[in-house]
Amino acid sequence: MSGKKFDADYPLLEAMYADDYYPIECVDKVAERIGAVIAYLEQGGHSKREIQAKLDEMTIGINELEEDFEENDSEIETVARDCIGTTVEYVLRYFDIDIDIEEAIRERDW
């Protein structure tokens, strides 16, 4: 696990970027939070508990973006929720992290 680099060809949040309902700048902020987890996982050597804490931090950070979405006549709703979940699940599988997606994003408000 240590030193493994994330698949640069994987399109993070593809469905959100493809849908005009989601402002690009807001989707970019979600991607940044997921990117922070990816960078963390690339370092390797973290316990499952440490990884979950980082995922909680990411999820709370995404929760805090809800107002940004609302100010742009958008929201984190079904498509976004599924897209974020799918992206995070892909990241966890890529790094062979055995954390269920529901547990991984347990702090979500969306």
PDB file of N, CA and C in Angstrom:
ATOM      1  N   MET A   1       0.827  -1.200   0.000  1.00  0.00           N
ATOM      2  CA  MET A   1       0.000   0.000   0.000  1.00  0.00           C
ATOM      3  C   MET A   1       0.867   1.258   0.000  1.00  0.00           C
ATOM      4  N   SER A   2       1.979   1.220   0.632  1.00  0.00           N
ATOM      5  CA  SER A   2       2.845   2.389   0.733  1.00  0.00           C
ATOM      6  C   SER A   2       3.413   2.781  -0.628  1.00  0.00           C
ATOM      7  N   GLY A   3       3.288   4.039  -0.953  1.00  0.00           N
ATOM      8  CA  GLY A   3       3.879   4.553  -2.169  1.00  0.00           C
ATOM      9  C   GLY A   3       3.042   4.350  -3.418  1.00  0.00           C
ATOM     10  N   LYS A   4       1.902   3.716  -3.322  1.00  0.00           N
ATOM     11  CA  LYS A   4       1.044   3.497  -4.482  1.00  0.00           C
ATOM     12  C   LYS A   4       0.427   4.825  -4.896  1.00  0.00           C
ATOM     13  N   LYS A   5       0.521   5.134  -6.172  1.00  0.00           N
ATOM     14  CA  LYS A   5      -0.043   6.385  -6.693  1.00  0.00           C
ATOM     15  C   LYS A   5      -1.422   6.119  -7.267  1.00  0.00           C
ATOM     16  N   PHE A   6      -2.312   7.069  -7.090  1.00  0.00           N
ATOM     17  CA  PHE A   6      -3.682   6.930  -7.562  1.00  0.00           C
ATOM     18  C   PHE A   6      -3.734   6.968  -9.081  1.00  0.00           C
ATOM     19  N   ASP A   7      -4.700   6.305  -9.638  1.00  0.00           N
ATOM     20  CA  ASP A   7      -4.941   6.238 -11.072  1.00  0.00           C
ATOM     21  C   ASP A   7      -5.292   7.631 -11.605  1.00  0.00           C
ATOM     22  N   ALA A   8      -4.330   8.280 -12.228  1.00  0.00           N
ATOM     23  CA  ALA A   8      -4.520   9.649 -12.728  1.00  0.00           C
ATOM     24  C   ALA A   8      -5.563   9.725 -13.837  1.00  0.00           C
ATOM     25  N   ASP A   9      -5.892   8.600 -14.443  1.00  0.00           N
ATOM     26  CA  ASP A   9      -6.885   8.582 -15.519  1.00  0.00           C
ATOM     27  C   ASP A   9      -8.313   8.436 -15.011  1.00  0.00           C
ATOM     28  N   TYR A  10      -8.482   8.167 -13.710  1.00  0.00           N
ATOM     29  CA  TYR A  10      -9.836   8.012 -13.178  1.00  0.00           C
ATOM     30  C   TYR A  10     -10.482   9.388 -13.024  1.00  0.00           C
ATOM     31  N   PRO A  11     -11.641   9.594 -13.653  1.00  0.00           N
ATOM     32  CA  PRO A  11     -12.308  10.905 -13.579  1.00  0.00           C
ATOM     33  C   PRO A  11     -13.102  11.057 -12.275  1.00  0.00           C
ATOM     34  N   LEU A  12     -12.546  11.779 -11.333  1.00  0.00           N
ATOM     35  CA  LEU A  12     -13.245  12.037 -10.077  1.00  0.00           C
ATOM     36  C   LEU A  12     -14.552  12.788 -10.358  1.00  0.00           C
ATOM     37  N   LEU A  13     -15.626  12.352  -9.733  1.00  0.00           N
ATOM     38  CA  LEU A  13     -16.919  13.039  -9.784  1.00  0.00           C
ATOM     39  C   LEU A  13     -17.415  13.280 -11.207  1.00  0.00           C
ATOM     40  N   GLU A  14     -17.198  12.313 -12.064  1.00  0.00           N
ATOM     41  CA  GLU A  14     -17.515  12.460 -13.477  1.00  0.00           C
ATOM     42  C   GLU A  14     -18.964  12.899 -13.727  1.00  0.00           C
ATOM     43  N   ALA A  15     -19.925  12.265 -13.068  1.00  0.00           N
ATOM     44  CA  ALA A  15     -21.335  12.600 -13.293  1.00  0.00           C
ATOM     45  C   ALA A  15     -21.656  14.032 -12.863  1.00  0.00           C
ATOM     46  N   MET A  16     -21.023  14.500 -11.816  1.00  0.00           N
ATOM     47  CA  MET A  16     -21.268  15.877 -11.361  1.00  0.00           C
ATOM     48  C   MET A  16     -20.659  16.885 -12.328  1.00  0.00           C
ATOM     49  N   TYR A  17     -19.451  16.598 -12.809  1.00  0.00           N
ATOM     50  CA  TYR A  17     -18.821  17.505 -13.767  1.00  0.00           C
ATOM     51  C   TYR A  17     -19.591  17.549 -15.081  1.00  0.00           C
ATOM     52  N   ALA A  18     -20.258  16.451 -15.430  1.00  0.00           N
ATOM     53  CA  ALA A  18     -20.976  16.368 -16.702  1.00  0.00           C
ATOM     54  C   ALA A  18     -22.354  17.027 -16.645  1.00  0.00           C
ATOM     55  N   ASP A  19     -22.824  17.353 -15.456  1.00  0.00           N
ATOM     56  CA  ASP A  19     -24.174  17.889 -15.279  1.00  0.00           C
ATOM     57  C   ASP A  19     -24.108  19.380 -14.943  1.00  0.00           C
ATOM     58  N   ASP A  20     -24.714  20.196 -15.791  1.00  0.00           N
ATOM     59  CA  ASP A  20     -24.701  21.652 -15.591  1.00  0.00           C
ATOM     60  C   ASP A  20     -25.391  22.104 -14.305  1.00  0.00           C
ATOM     61  N   TYR A  21     -26.160  21.233 -13.689  1.00  0.00           N
ATOM     62  CA  TYR A  21     -26.839  21.574 -12.434  1.00  0.00           C
ATOM     63  C   TYR A  21     -25.828  21.877 -11.320  1.00  0.00           C
ATOM     64  N   TYR A  22     -24.655  21.273 -11.425  1.00  0.00           N
ATOM     65  CA  TYR A  22     -23.628  21.447 -10.396  1.00  0.00           C
ATOM     66  C   TYR A  22     -22.587  22.443 -10.872  1.00  0.00           C
ATOM     67  N   PRO A  23     -22.451  23.570 -10.179  1.00  0.00           N
ATOM     68  CA  PRO A  23     -21.431  24.557 -10.563  1.00  0.00           C
ATOM     69  C   PRO A  23     -20.025  23.947 -10.463  1.00  0.00           C
ATOM     70  N   ILE A  24     -19.247  24.157 -11.497  1.00  0.00           N
ATOM     71  CA  ILE A  24     -17.898  23.588 -11.567  1.00  0.00           C
ATOM     72  C   ILE A  24     -17.082  23.947 -10.323  1.00  0.00           C
ATOM     73  N   GLU A  25     -17.173  25.196  -9.878  1.00  0.00           N
ATOM     74  CA  GLU A  25     -16.366  25.603  -8.724  1.00  0.00           C
ATOM     75  C   GLU A  25     -16.760  24.839  -7.462  1.00  0.00           C
ATOM     76  N   CYS A  26     -18.026  24.482  -7.345  1.00  0.00           N
ATOM     77  CA  CYS A  26     -18.472  23.693  -6.188  1.00  0.00           C
ATOM     78  C   CYS A  26     -17.990  22.250  -6.306  1.00  0.00           C
ATOM     79  N   VAL A  27     -18.096  21.683  -7.494  1.00  0.00           N
ATOM     80  CA  VAL A  27     -17.621  20.316  -7.717  1.00  0.00           C
ATOM     81  C   VAL A  27     -16.106  20.254  -7.489  1.00  0.00           C
ATOM     82  N   ASP A  28     -15.406  21.295  -7.920  1.00  0.00           N
ATOM     83  CA  ASP A  28     -13.958  21.354  -7.682  1.00  0.00           C
ATOM     84  C   ASP A  28     -13.642  21.278  -6.185  1.00  0.00           C
ATOM     85  N   LYS A  29     -14.453  21.934  -5.370  1.00  0.00           N
ATOM     86  CA  LYS A  29     -14.223  21.916  -3.922  1.00  0.00           C
ATOM     87  C   LYS A  29     -14.454  20.523  -3.348  1.00  0.00           C
ATOM     88  N   VAL A  30     -15.459  19.806  -3.850  1.00  0.00           N
ATOM     89  CA  VAL A  30     -15.682  18.421  -3.421  1.00  0.00           C
ATOM     90  C   VAL A  30     -14.478  17.576  -3.838  1.00  0.00           C
ATOM     91  N   ALA A  31     -14.041  17.762  -5.080  1.00  0.00           N
ATOM     92  CA  ALA A  31     -12.890  17.006  -5.600  1.00  0.00           C
ATOM     93  C   ALA A  31     -11.630  17.277  -4.773  1.00  0.00           C
ATOM     94  N   GLU A  32     -11.453  18.507  -4.322  1.00  0.00           N
ATOM     95  CA  GLU A  32     -10.291  18.844  -3.492  1.00  0.00           C
ATOM     96  C   GLU A  32     -10.305  18.045  -2.191  1.00  0.00           C
ATOM     97  N   ARG A  33     -11.479  17.911  -1.602  1.00  0.00           N
ATOM     98  CA  ARG A  33     -11.583  17.180  -0.333  1.00  0.00           C
ATOM     99  C   ARG A  33     -11.300  15.690  -0.541  1.00  0.00           C
ATOM    100  N   ILE A  34     -11.796  15.151  -1.650  1.00  0.00           N
ATOM    101  CA  ILE A  34     -11.497  13.757  -1.971  1.00  0.00           C
ATOM    102  C   ILE A  34     -10.011  13.622  -2.313  1.00  0.00           C
ATOM    103  N   GLY A  35      -9.480  14.601  -3.014  1.00  0.00           N
ATOM    104  CA  GLY A  35      -8.059  14.603  -3.366  1.00  0.00           C
ATOM    105  C   GLY A  35      -7.154  14.592  -2.148  1.00  0.00           C
ATOM    106  N   ALA A  36      -7.576  15.251  -1.081  1.00  0.00           N
ATOM    107  CA  ALA A  36      -6.786  15.246   0.155  1.00  0.00           C
ATOM    108  C   ALA A  36      -6.710  13.834   0.736  1.00  0.00           C
ATOM    109  N   VAL A  37      -7.816  13.092   0.638  1.00  0.00           N
ATOM    110  CA  VAL A  37      -7.814  11.701   1.109  1.00  0.00           C
ATOM    111  C   VAL A  37      -6.911  10.853   0.217  1.00  0.00           C
ATOM    112  N   ILE A  38      -6.984  11.071  -1.083  1.00  0.00           N
ATOM    113  CA  ILE A  38      -6.133  10.328  -2.012  1.00  0.00           C
ATOM    114  C   ILE A  38      -4.659  10.570  -1.688  1.00  0.00           C
ATOM    115  N   ALA A  39      -4.284  11.828  -1.493  1.00  0.00           N
ATOM    116  CA  ALA A  39      -2.892  12.152  -1.157  1.00  0.00           C
ATOM    117  C   ALA A  39      -2.476  11.462   0.145  1.00  0.00           C
ATOM    118  N   TYR A  40      -3.369  11.430   1.104  1.00  0.00           N
ATOM    119  CA  TYR A  40      -3.118  10.774   2.380  1.00  0.00           C
ATOM    120  C   TYR A  40      -2.882   9.277   2.175  1.00  0.00           C
ATOM    121  N   LEU A  41      -3.748   8.653   1.373  1.00  0.00           N
ATOM    122  CA  LEU A  41      -3.624   7.217   1.124  1.00  0.00           C
ATOM    123  C   LEU A  41      -2.369   6.879   0.323  1.00  0.00           C
ATOM    124  N   GLU A  42      -1.963   7.779  -0.543  1.00  0.00           N
ATOM    125  CA  GLU A  42      -0.734   7.557  -1.321  1.00  0.00           C
ATOM    126  C   GLU A  42       0.493   7.470  -0.420  1.00  0.00           C
ATOM    127  N   GLN A  43       0.438   8.127   0.722  1.00  0.00           N
ATOM    128  CA  GLN A  43       1.561   8.063   1.671  1.00  0.00           C
ATOM    129  C   GLN A  43       1.709   6.663   2.250  1.00  0.00           C
ATOM    130  N   GLY A  44       0.572   5.981   2.399  1.00  0.00           N
ATOM    131  CA  GLY A  44       0.576   4.619   2.927  1.00  0.00           C
ATOM    132  C   GLY A  44       0.889   4.554   4.406  1.00  0.00           C
ATOM    133  N   GLY A  45       0.755   3.353   4.964  1.00  0.00           N
ATOM    134  CA  GLY A  45       1.134   3.107   6.352  1.00  0.00           C
ATOM    135  C   GLY A  45       0.151   3.577   7.403  1.00  0.00           C
ATOM    136  N   HIS A  46      -1.090   3.867   7.014  1.00  0.00           N
ATOM    137  CA  HIS A  46      -2.078   4.351   7.979  1.00  0.00           C
ATOM    138  C   HIS A  46      -2.971   3.212   8.456  1.00  0.00           C
ATOM    139  N   SER A  47      -3.382   3.298   9.702  1.00  0.00           N
ATOM    140  CA  SER A  47      -4.303   2.298  10.239  1.00  0.00           C
ATOM    141  C   SER A  47      -5.708   2.570   9.700  1.00  0.00           C
ATOM    142  N   LYS A  48      -6.554   1.565   9.809  1.00  0.00           N
ATOM    143  CA  LYS A  48      -7.949   1.706   9.376  1.00  0.00           C
ATOM    144  C   LYS A  48      -8.634   2.845  10.143  1.00  0.00           C
ATOM    145  N   ARG A  49      -8.333   2.954  11.418  1.00  0.00           N
ATOM    146  CA  ARG A  49      -8.911   4.017  12.255  1.00  0.00           C
ATOM    147  C   ARG A  49      -8.453   5.399  11.768  1.00  0.00           C
ATOM    148  N   GLU A  50      -7.181   5.523  11.426  1.00  0.00           N
ATOM    149  CA  GLU A  50      -6.657   6.802  10.918  1.00  0.00           C
ATOM    150  C   GLU A  50      -7.291   7.151   9.571  1.00  0.00           C
ATOM    151  N   ILE A  51      -7.464   6.143   8.736  1.00  0.00           N
ATOM    152  CA  ILE A  51      -8.083   6.381   7.433  1.00  0.00           C
ATOM    153  C   ILE A  51      -9.530   6.808   7.615  1.00  0.00           C
ATOM    154  N   GLN A  52     -10.251   6.158   8.519  1.00  0.00           N
ATOM    155  CA  GLN A  52     -11.643   6.544   8.763  1.00  0.00           C
ATOM    156  C   GLN A  52     -11.716   7.975   9.291  1.00  0.00           C
ATOM    157  N   ALA A  53     -10.799   8.369  10.132  1.00  0.00           N
ATOM    158  CA  ALA A  53     -10.779   9.745  10.642  1.00  0.00           C
ATOM    159  C   ALA A  53     -10.586  10.728   9.487  1.00  0.00           C
ATOM    160  N   LYS A  54      -9.727  10.382   8.545  1.00  0.00           N
ATOM    161  CA  LYS A  54      -9.498  11.236   7.370  1.00  0.00           C
ATOM    162  C   LYS A  54     -10.756  11.282   6.496  1.00  0.00           C
ATOM    163  N   LEU A  55     -11.438  10.155   6.351  1.00  0.00           N
ATOM    164  CA  LEU A  55     -12.695  10.120   5.594  1.00  0.00           C
ATOM    165  C   LEU A  55     -13.776  10.953   6.278  1.00  0.00           C
ATOM    166  N   ASP A  56     -13.818  10.896   7.613  1.00  0.00           N
ATOM    167  CA  ASP A  56     -14.781  11.718   8.360  1.00  0.00           C
ATOM    168  C   ASP A  56     -14.501  13.202   8.126  1.00  0.00           C
ATOM    169  N   GLU A  57     -13.228  13.563   8.162  1.00  0.00           N
ATOM    170  CA  GLU A  57     -12.828  14.948   7.910  1.00  0.00           C
ATOM    171  C   GLU A  57     -13.263  15.380   6.500  1.00  0.00           C
ATOM    172  N   MET A  58     -13.043  14.518   5.522  1.00  0.00           N
ATOM    173  CA  MET A  58     -13.451  14.800   4.143  1.00  0.00           C
ATOM    174  C   MET A  58     -14.966  14.994   4.062  1.00  0.00           C
ATOM    175  N   THR A  59     -15.713  14.094   4.672  1.00  0.00           N
ATOM    176  CA  THR A  59     -17.171  14.132   4.591  1.00  0.00           C
ATOM    177  C   THR A  59     -17.727  15.374   5.264  1.00  0.00           C
ATOM    178  N   ILE A  60     -17.199  15.724   6.402  1.00  0.00           N
ATOM    179  CA  ILE A  60     -17.634  16.951   7.094  1.00  0.00           C
ATOM    180  C   ILE A  60     -17.303  18.161   6.228  1.00  0.00           C
ATOM    181  N   GLY A  61     -16.154  18.143   5.577  1.00  0.00           N
ATOM    182  CA  GLY A  61     -15.783  19.218   4.659  1.00  0.00           C
ATOM    183  C   GLY A  61     -16.762  19.334   3.499  1.00  0.00           C
ATOM    184  N   ILE A  62     -17.216  18.200   2.986  1.00  0.00           N
ATOM    185  CA  ILE A  62     -18.212  18.222   1.906  1.00  0.00           C
ATOM    186  C   ILE A  62     -19.551  18.738   2.446  1.00  0.00           C
ATOM    187  N   ASN A  63     -19.920  18.319   3.654  1.00  0.00           N
ATOM    188  CA  ASN A  63     -21.149  18.834   4.281  1.00  0.00           C
ATOM    189  C   ASN A  63     -21.133  20.359   4.308  1.00  0.00           C
ATOM    190  N   GLU A  64     -19.987  20.922   4.629  1.00  0.00           N
ATOM    191  CA  GLU A  64     -19.863  22.376   4.763  1.00  0.00           C
ATOM    192  C   GLU A  64     -20.005  23.102   3.423  1.00  0.00           C
ATOM    193  N   LEU A  65     -19.983  22.370   2.316  1.00  0.00           N
ATOM    194  CA  LEU A  65     -20.126  22.983   0.994  1.00  0.00           C
ATOM    195  C   LEU A  65     -21.584  23.153   0.576  1.00  0.00           C
ATOM    196  N   GLU A  66     -22.496  22.608   1.349  1.00  0.00           N
ATOM    197  CA  GLU A  66     -23.917  22.670   0.972  1.00  0.00           C
ATOM    198  C   GLU A  66     -24.371  24.103   0.715  1.00  0.00           C
ATOM    199  N   GLU A  67     -23.928  25.030   1.538  1.00  0.00           N
ATOM    200  CA  GLU A  67     -24.310  26.429   1.354  1.00  0.00           C
ATOM    201  C   GLU A  67     -23.783  26.983   0.024  1.00  0.00           C
ATOM    202  N   ASP A  68     -22.554  26.606  -0.334  1.00  0.00           N
ATOM    203  CA  ASP A  68     -21.994  27.028  -1.624  1.00  0.00           C
ATOM    204  C   ASP A  68     -22.865  26.537  -2.774  1.00  0.00           C
ATOM    205  N   PHE A  69     -23.295  25.282  -2.684  1.00  0.00           N
ATOM    206  CA  PHE A  69     -24.166  24.740  -3.727  1.00  0.00           C
ATOM    207  C   PHE A  69     -25.483  25.521  -3.768  1.00  0.00           C
ATOM    208  N   GLU A  70     -26.077  25.754  -2.602  1.00  0.00           N
ATOM    209  CA  GLU A  70     -27.366  26.458  -2.541  1.00  0.00           C
ATOM    210  C   GLU A  70     -27.258  27.874  -3.092  1.00  0.00           C
ATOM    211  N   GLU A  71     -26.164  28.556  -2.818  1.00  0.00           N
ATOM    212  CA  GLU A  71     -25.965  29.912  -3.340  1.00  0.00           C
ATOM    213  C   GLU A  71     -25.881  29.926  -4.861  1.00  0.00           C
ATOM    214  N   ASN A  72     -25.612  28.763  -5.445  1.00  0.00           N
ATOM    215  CA  ASN A  72     -25.518  28.625  -6.900  1.00  0.00           C
ATOM    216  C   ASN A  72     -26.703  27.843  -7.461  1.00  0.00           C
ATOM    217  N   ASP A  73     -27.839  27.890  -6.736  1.00  0.00           N
ATOM    218  CA  ASP A  73     -29.074  27.218  -7.163  1.00  0.00           C
ATOM    219  C   ASP A  73     -28.863  25.739  -7.452  1.00  0.00           C
ATOM    220  N   SER A  74     -28.123  25.098  -6.580  1.00  0.00           N
ATOM    221  CA  SER A  74     -27.838  23.678  -6.713  1.00  0.00           C
ATOM    222  C   SER A  74     -27.879  23.068  -5.316  1.00  0.00           C
ATOM    223  N   GLU A  75     -27.692  21.774  -5.236  1.00  0.00           N
ATOM    224  CA  GLU A  75     -27.611  21.112  -3.942  1.00  0.00           C
ATOM    225  C   GLU A  75     -26.949  19.753  -4.112  1.00  0.00           C
ATOM    226  N   ILE A  76     -26.511  19.210  -2.998  1.00  0.00           N
ATOM    227  CA  ILE A  76     -25.967  17.854  -3.004  1.00  0.00           C
ATOM    228  C   ILE A  76     -27.158  16.930  -2.796  1.00  0.00           C
ATOM    229  N   GLU A  77     -27.697  16.426  -3.907  1.00  0.00           N
ATOM    230  CA  GLU A  77     -28.875  15.575  -3.859  1.00  0.00           C
ATOM    231  C   GLU A  77     -28.546  14.191  -4.394  1.00  0.00           C
ATOM    232  N   THR A  78     -29.541  13.463  -4.862  1.00  0.00           N
ATOM    233  CA  THR A  78     -29.371  12.054  -5.201  1.00  0.00           C
ATOM    234  C   THR A  78     -28.225  11.776  -6.163  1.00  0.00           C
ATOM    235  N   VAL A  79     -28.176  12.472  -7.284  1.00  0.00           N
ATOM    236  CA  VAL A  79     -27.113  12.223  -8.269  1.00  0.00           C
ATOM    237  C   VAL A  79     -25.753  12.533  -7.655  1.00  0.00           C
ATOM    238  N   ALA A  80     -25.656  13.659  -6.975  1.00  0.00           N
ATOM    239  CA  ALA A  80     -24.385  14.042  -6.345  1.00  0.00           C
ATOM    240  C   ALA A  80     -23.994  13.043  -5.261  1.00  0.00           C
ATOM    241  N   ARG A  81     -24.945  12.659  -4.447  1.00  0.00           N
ATOM    242  CA  ARG A  81     -24.683  11.694  -3.365  1.00  0.00           C
ATOM    243  C   ARG A  81     -24.147  10.383  -3.939  1.00  0.00           C
ATOM    244  N   ASP A  82     -24.803   9.896  -4.997  1.00  0.00           N
ATOM    245  CA  ASP A  82     -24.348   8.664  -5.636  1.00  0.00           C
ATOM    246  C   ASP A  82     -22.969   8.836  -6.266  1.00  0.00           C
ATOM    247  N   CYS A  83     -22.754   9.961  -6.899  1.00  0.00           N
ATOM    248  CA  CYS A  83     -21.482  10.240  -7.557  1.00  0.00           C
ATOM    249  C   CYS A  83     -20.339  10.308  -6.538  1.00  0.00           C
ATOM    250  N   ILE A  84     -20.560  11.016  -5.454  1.00  0.00           N
ATOM    251  CA  ILE A  84     -19.540  11.122  -4.406  1.00  0.00           C
ATOM    252  C   ILE A  84     -19.268   9.739  -3.811  1.00  0.00           C
ATOM    253  N   GLY A  85     -20.336   9.011  -3.507  1.00  0.00           N
ATOM    254  CA  GLY A  85     -20.182   7.672  -2.947  1.00  0.00           C
ATOM    255  C   GLY A  85     -19.411   6.744  -3.867  1.00  0.00           C
ATOM    256  N   THR A  86     -19.755   6.764  -5.156  1.00  0.00           N
ATOM    257  CA  THR A  86     -19.077   5.920  -6.141  1.00  0.00           C
ATOM    258  C   THR A  86     -17.601   6.281  -6.237  1.00  0.00           C
ATOM    259  N   THR A  87     -17.304   7.576  -6.227  1.00  0.00           N
ATOM    260  CA  THR A  87     -15.916   8.028  -6.317  1.00  0.00           C
ATOM    261  C   THR A  87     -15.116   7.592  -5.091  1.00  0.00           C
ATOM    262  N   VAL A  88     -15.685   7.801  -3.911  1.00  0.00           N
ATOM    263  CA  VAL A  88     -14.982   7.413  -2.685  1.00  0.00           C
ATOM    264  C   VAL A  88     -14.803   5.890  -2.638  1.00  0.00           C
ATOM    265  N   GLU A  89     -15.823   5.170  -3.048  1.00  0.00           N
ATOM    266  CA  GLU A  89     -15.730   3.711  -3.062  1.00  0.00           C
ATOM    267  C   GLU A  89     -14.612   3.242  -4.004  1.00  0.00           C
ATOM    268  N   TYR A  90     -14.509   3.877  -5.173  1.00  0.00           N
ATOM    269  CA  TYR A  90     -13.439   3.541  -6.109  1.00  0.00           C
ATOM    270  C   TYR A  90     -12.068   3.791  -5.472  1.00  0.00           C
ATOM    271  N   VAL A  91     -11.923   4.917  -4.813  1.00  0.00           N
ATOM    272  CA  VAL A  91     -10.651   5.260  -4.160  1.00  0.00           C
ATOM    273  C   VAL A  91     -10.293   4.201  -3.118  1.00  0.00           C
ATOM    274  N   LEU A  92     -11.261   3.816  -2.301  1.00  0.00           N
ATOM    275  CA  LEU A  92     -10.995   2.816  -1.261  1.00  0.00           C
ATOM    276  C   LEU A  92     -10.587   1.475  -1.873  1.00  0.00           C
ATOM    277  N   ARG A  93     -11.292   1.067  -2.902  1.00  0.00           N
ATOM    278  CA  ARG A  93     -10.944  -0.204  -3.564  1.00  0.00           C
ATOM    279  C   ARG A  93      -9.569  -0.118  -4.221  1.00  0.00           C
ATOM    280  N   TYR A  94      -9.284   1.015  -4.840  1.00  0.00           N
ATOM    281  CA  TYR A  94      -7.998   1.193  -5.514  1.00  0.00           C
ATOM    282  C   TYR A  94      -6.836   0.971  -4.546  1.00  0.00           C
ATOM    283  N   PHE A  95      -7.011   1.491  -3.341  1.00  0.00           N
ATOM    284  CA  PHE A  95      -5.951   1.370  -2.335  1.00  0.00           C
ATOM    285  C   PHE A  95      -6.132   0.148  -1.428  1.00  0.00           C
ATOM    286  N   ASP A  96      -7.059  -0.740  -1.793  1.00  0.00           N
ATOM    287  CA  ASP A  96      -7.309  -1.965  -1.023  1.00  0.00           C
ATOM    288  C   ASP A  96      -7.652  -1.673   0.433  1.00  0.00           C
ATOM    289  N   ILE A  97      -8.482  -0.664   0.640  1.00  0.00           N
ATOM    290  CA  ILE A  97      -8.925  -0.290   1.981  1.00  0.00           C
ATOM    291  C   ILE A  97     -10.265  -0.978   2.235  1.00  0.00           C
ATOM    292  N   ASP A  98     -10.320  -1.794   3.264  1.00  0.00           N
ATOM    293  CA  ASP A  98     -11.523  -2.550   3.574  1.00  0.00           C
ATOM    294  C   ASP A  98     -12.417  -1.770   4.544  1.00  0.00           C
ATOM    295  N   ILE A  99     -13.050  -0.721   3.999  1.00  0.00           N
ATOM    296  CA  ILE A  99     -14.023   0.064   4.754  1.00  0.00           C
ATOM    297  C   ILE A  99     -15.258   0.161   3.871  1.00  0.00           C
ATOM    298  N   ASP A 100     -16.400  -0.252   4.406  1.00  0.00           N
ATOM    299  CA  ASP A 100     -17.655  -0.177   3.683  1.00  0.00           C
ATOM    300  C   ASP A 100     -17.974   1.284   3.351  1.00  0.00           C
ATOM    301  N   ILE A 101     -18.529   1.521   2.172  1.00  0.00           N
ATOM    302  CA  ILE A 101     -18.793   2.898   1.741  1.00  0.00           C
ATOM    303  C   ILE A 101     -19.736   3.625   2.695  1.00  0.00           C
ATOM    304  N   GLU A 102     -20.713   2.937   3.239  1.00  0.00           N
ATOM    305  CA  GLU A 102     -21.632   3.597   4.187  1.00  0.00           C
ATOM    306  C   GLU A 102     -20.891   4.042   5.445  1.00  0.00           C
ATOM    307  N   GLU A 103     -19.952   3.246   5.878  1.00  0.00           N
ATOM    308  CA  GLU A 103     -19.127   3.612   7.032  1.00  0.00           C
ATOM    309  C   GLU A 103     -18.164   4.738   6.652  1.00  0.00           C
ATOM    310  N   ALA A 104     -17.602   4.639   5.460  1.00  0.00           N
ATOM    311  CA  ALA A 104     -16.618   5.621   5.005  1.00  0.00           C
ATOM    312  C   ALA A 104     -17.178   7.030   4.997  1.00  0.00           C
ATOM    313  N   ILE A 105     -18.444   7.179   4.589  1.00  0.00           N
ATOM    314  CA  ILE A 105     -19.057   8.521   4.504  1.00  0.00           C
ATOM    315  C   ILE A 105     -20.161   8.682   5.551  1.00  0.00           C
ATOM    316  N   ARG A 106     -19.965   8.059   6.684  1.00  0.00           N
ATOM    317  CA  ARG A 106     -20.964   8.047   7.752  1.00  0.00           C
ATOM    318  C   ARG A 106     -21.328   9.422   8.305  1.00  0.00           C
ATOM    319  N   GLU A 107     -20.456  10.391   8.150  1.00  0.00           N
ATOM    320  CA  GLU A 107     -20.701  11.734   8.699  1.00  0.00           C
ATOM    321  C   GLU A 107     -21.502  12.629   7.747  1.00  0.00           C
ATOM    322  N   ARG A 108     -21.958  12.090   6.633  1.00  0.00           N
ATOM    323  CA  ARG A 108     -22.623  12.924   5.621  1.00  0.00           C
ATOM    324  C   ARG A 108     -23.974  13.450   6.087  1.00  0.00           C
ATOM    325  N   ASP A 109     -24.292  14.648   5.623  1.00  0.00           N
ATOM    326  CA  ASP A 109     -25.600  15.264   5.839  1.00  0.00           C
ATOM    327  C   ASP A 109     -26.430  15.189   4.562  1.00  0.00           C
ATOM    328  N   TRP A 110     -25.834  14.731   3.495  1.00  0.00           N
ATOM    329  CA  TRP A 110     -26.483  14.730   2.197  1.00  0.00           C
ATOM    330  C   TRP A 110     -26.988  13.357   1.851  1.00  0.00           C
TER     331      TRP A 110
END
